[in-house]
Protein backbone atom coordinates (compact mmCIF):
# COMPACT_ATOMS: atom_id res chain seq x y z
CA MET A 1 22.68 20.49 -28.36
CA SER A 2 18.43 21.23 -27.51
CA ASP A 3 17.80 24.98 -26.87
CA SER A 4 17.72 24.19 -23.41
CA GLY A 5 21.66 23.60 -23.54
CA PHE A 6 21.40 19.80 -22.95
CA PRO A 7 22.62 17.75 -24.99
CA LEU A 8 19.83 15.79 -26.68
CA PRO A 9 20.58 11.90 -26.49
CA PRO A 10 20.50 10.38 -29.80
CA PRO A 11 17.33 8.98 -31.60
CA THR A 12 17.56 5.32 -30.90
CA PHE A 13 15.01 2.13 -31.07
CA GLU A 14 15.13 2.16 -26.80
CA PHE A 15 14.89 5.85 -26.37
CA LEU A 16 11.69 5.43 -28.13
CA VAL A 17 10.40 2.49 -26.03
CA PHE A 18 11.98 4.17 -22.64
CA SER A 19 10.19 7.37 -23.76
CA LEU A 20 7.00 5.91 -24.14
CA LYS A 21 7.47 3.55 -21.43
CA THR A 22 7.64 6.48 -19.08
CA GLN A 23 4.94 8.63 -20.63
CA ALA A 24 2.49 5.51 -19.66
CA GLU A 25 4.09 5.32 -15.71
CA MET A 26 3.46 9.27 -15.85
CA GLN A 27 -0.20 9.38 -16.55
CA LEU A 28 -0.61 5.64 -14.42
CA GLY A 29 0.78 7.92 -11.70
CA LEU A 30 3.63 5.60 -11.00
CA PHE A 31 6.10 8.50 -10.71
CA GLN A 32 6.08 11.60 -7.85
CA PHE A 33 8.32 14.30 -8.13
CA GLY A 34 8.58 16.02 -4.43
CA GLU A 35 5.17 15.51 -3.04
CA PRO A 36 2.18 13.12 -3.97
CA SER A 37 -0.05 14.78 -6.54
CA ALA A 38 -3.80 14.77 -5.73
CA GLU A 39 -4.48 14.12 -9.16
CA PRO A 40 -6.34 10.46 -10.29
CA PRO A 41 -4.38 8.24 -12.84
CA ASN A 42 -4.68 9.36 -16.41
CA LEU A 43 -5.95 6.04 -17.37
CA PRO A 44 -6.75 6.81 -21.20
CA ALA A 45 -3.91 8.53 -21.91
CA ALA A 46 -1.88 5.73 -20.21
CA ARG A 47 -3.77 3.24 -22.94
CA HIS A 48 -2.82 5.20 -25.87
CA ALA A 49 0.51 5.30 -25.21
CA ILE A 50 0.57 1.44 -24.42
CA ASP A 51 -1.50 0.85 -27.65
CA LEU A 52 1.66 2.57 -29.51
CA LEU A 53 4.23 0.85 -28.02
CA ALA A 54 2.28 -2.24 -28.81
CA MET A 55 1.44 -0.79 -32.41
CA ILE A 56 5.21 -0.63 -33.03
CA ALA A 57 5.97 -4.10 -31.47
CA GLU A 58 3.53 -5.55 -34.12
CA LYS A 59 5.04 -2.88 -37.28
CA THR A 60 8.85 -3.68 -35.97
CA ARG A 61 8.02 -7.81 -35.67
CA GLY A 62 10.37 -9.87 -37.41
CA ASN A 63 13.05 -6.58 -37.82
CA LEU A 64 14.27 -6.21 -34.67
CA ALA A 65 17.15 -7.39 -32.76
CA LEU A 66 17.37 -9.98 -30.08
CA GLU A 67 17.36 -7.21 -27.58
CA GLU A 68 15.60 -4.68 -28.89
CA GLN A 69 12.67 -7.23 -29.68
CA ARG A 70 13.39 -8.08 -25.58
CA LEU A 71 13.07 -4.90 -24.58
CA ILE A 72 9.90 -4.06 -26.21
CA GLU A 73 7.42 -7.35 -25.13
CA ASN A 74 9.28 -6.49 -21.32
CA SER A 75 8.01 -3.22 -21.57
CA LEU A 76 4.31 -3.97 -22.44
CA THR A 77 3.83 -6.65 -20.39
CA GLU A 78 4.78 -4.91 -17.41
CA LEU A 79 3.32 -1.95 -18.51
CA ARG A 80 -0.25 -4.05 -19.24
CA PHE A 81 0.29 -5.28 -15.63
CA ARG A 82 0.65 -2.08 -13.66
CA PHE A 83 -2.00 -0.66 -15.96
CA VAL A 84 -4.50 -3.62 -14.56
CA GLN A 85 -3.19 -2.85 -11.11
CA VAL A 86 -4.13 0.40 -11.37
CA ALA A 87 -7.03 0.06 -12.65
CA GLU A 88 -8.02 -2.08 -10.35
CA GLN A 89 -7.45 0.25 -7.49
CA LYS A 90 -9.89 2.41 -5.11
CA PRO A 91 -9.80 5.75 -5.29
CA PRO A 92 -7.93 7.22 -2.40
CA VAL A 93 -10.93 8.49 0.50
CA LYS A 94 -10.05 11.68 0.84
CA PRO A 95 -9.84 13.33 5.16
CA ALA A 96 -12.43 15.74 4.51
CA GLU A 97 -15.24 13.06 2.91
CA SER A 98 -14.37 10.45 6.27
CA THR A 99 -14.70 13.21 8.49
CA ALA A 100 -17.72 14.59 7.03
CA GLY A 101 -19.48 10.83 7.01
CA ALA A 102 -18.41 10.80 10.40
CA GLU A 103 -20.34 13.78 11.84
CA LYS A 104 -23.65 12.99 9.53
CA PRO A 105 -24.84 9.93 12.34
CA ALA A 106 -23.81 12.58 15.03
CA GLU A 107 -26.11 15.08 13.82
CA LYS A 108 -28.74 12.63 13.27
CA SER A 109 -28.67 11.42 16.59
CA ALA A 110 -29.04 15.11 18.28
CA GLU A 111 -31.77 15.66 15.89
CA SER A 112 -34.03 12.58 16.71
CA GLY A 113 -32.63 13.57 20.78
CA ASP A 114 -34.75 17.32 19.98
CA ALA A 115 -37.82 15.39 18.63
CA SER A 116 -37.62 13.27 21.42
CA ALA A 117 -37.22 16.08 23.61
CA SER A 118 -39.42 17.88 22.62
CA SER A 119 -42.98 15.17 22.72
């Protein structure tokens, strides 16, 4: 039992892989808890978790059961694919920025109209 009263899962290879995979997915912004987060994905932290998983795969090569080998390889493939997807996404435009950009041309036309009226 942990200090919080919840039993801890057994320390298995599968739990280690799932823990690192979950860390990477959280840093990529793939998990939403409640309201959407305004935080952008933390690509360096996600890359670090993926690299840790890749290092474990390299160091354990030839010493894993078939199921463990498939788990870590499939996890790495999925995480690398999702990393590329997130890295290539354009940052979302905030409503305040799009509204501010729309007001500027109107202000300029009003200013040019004022200048022509005073001539």
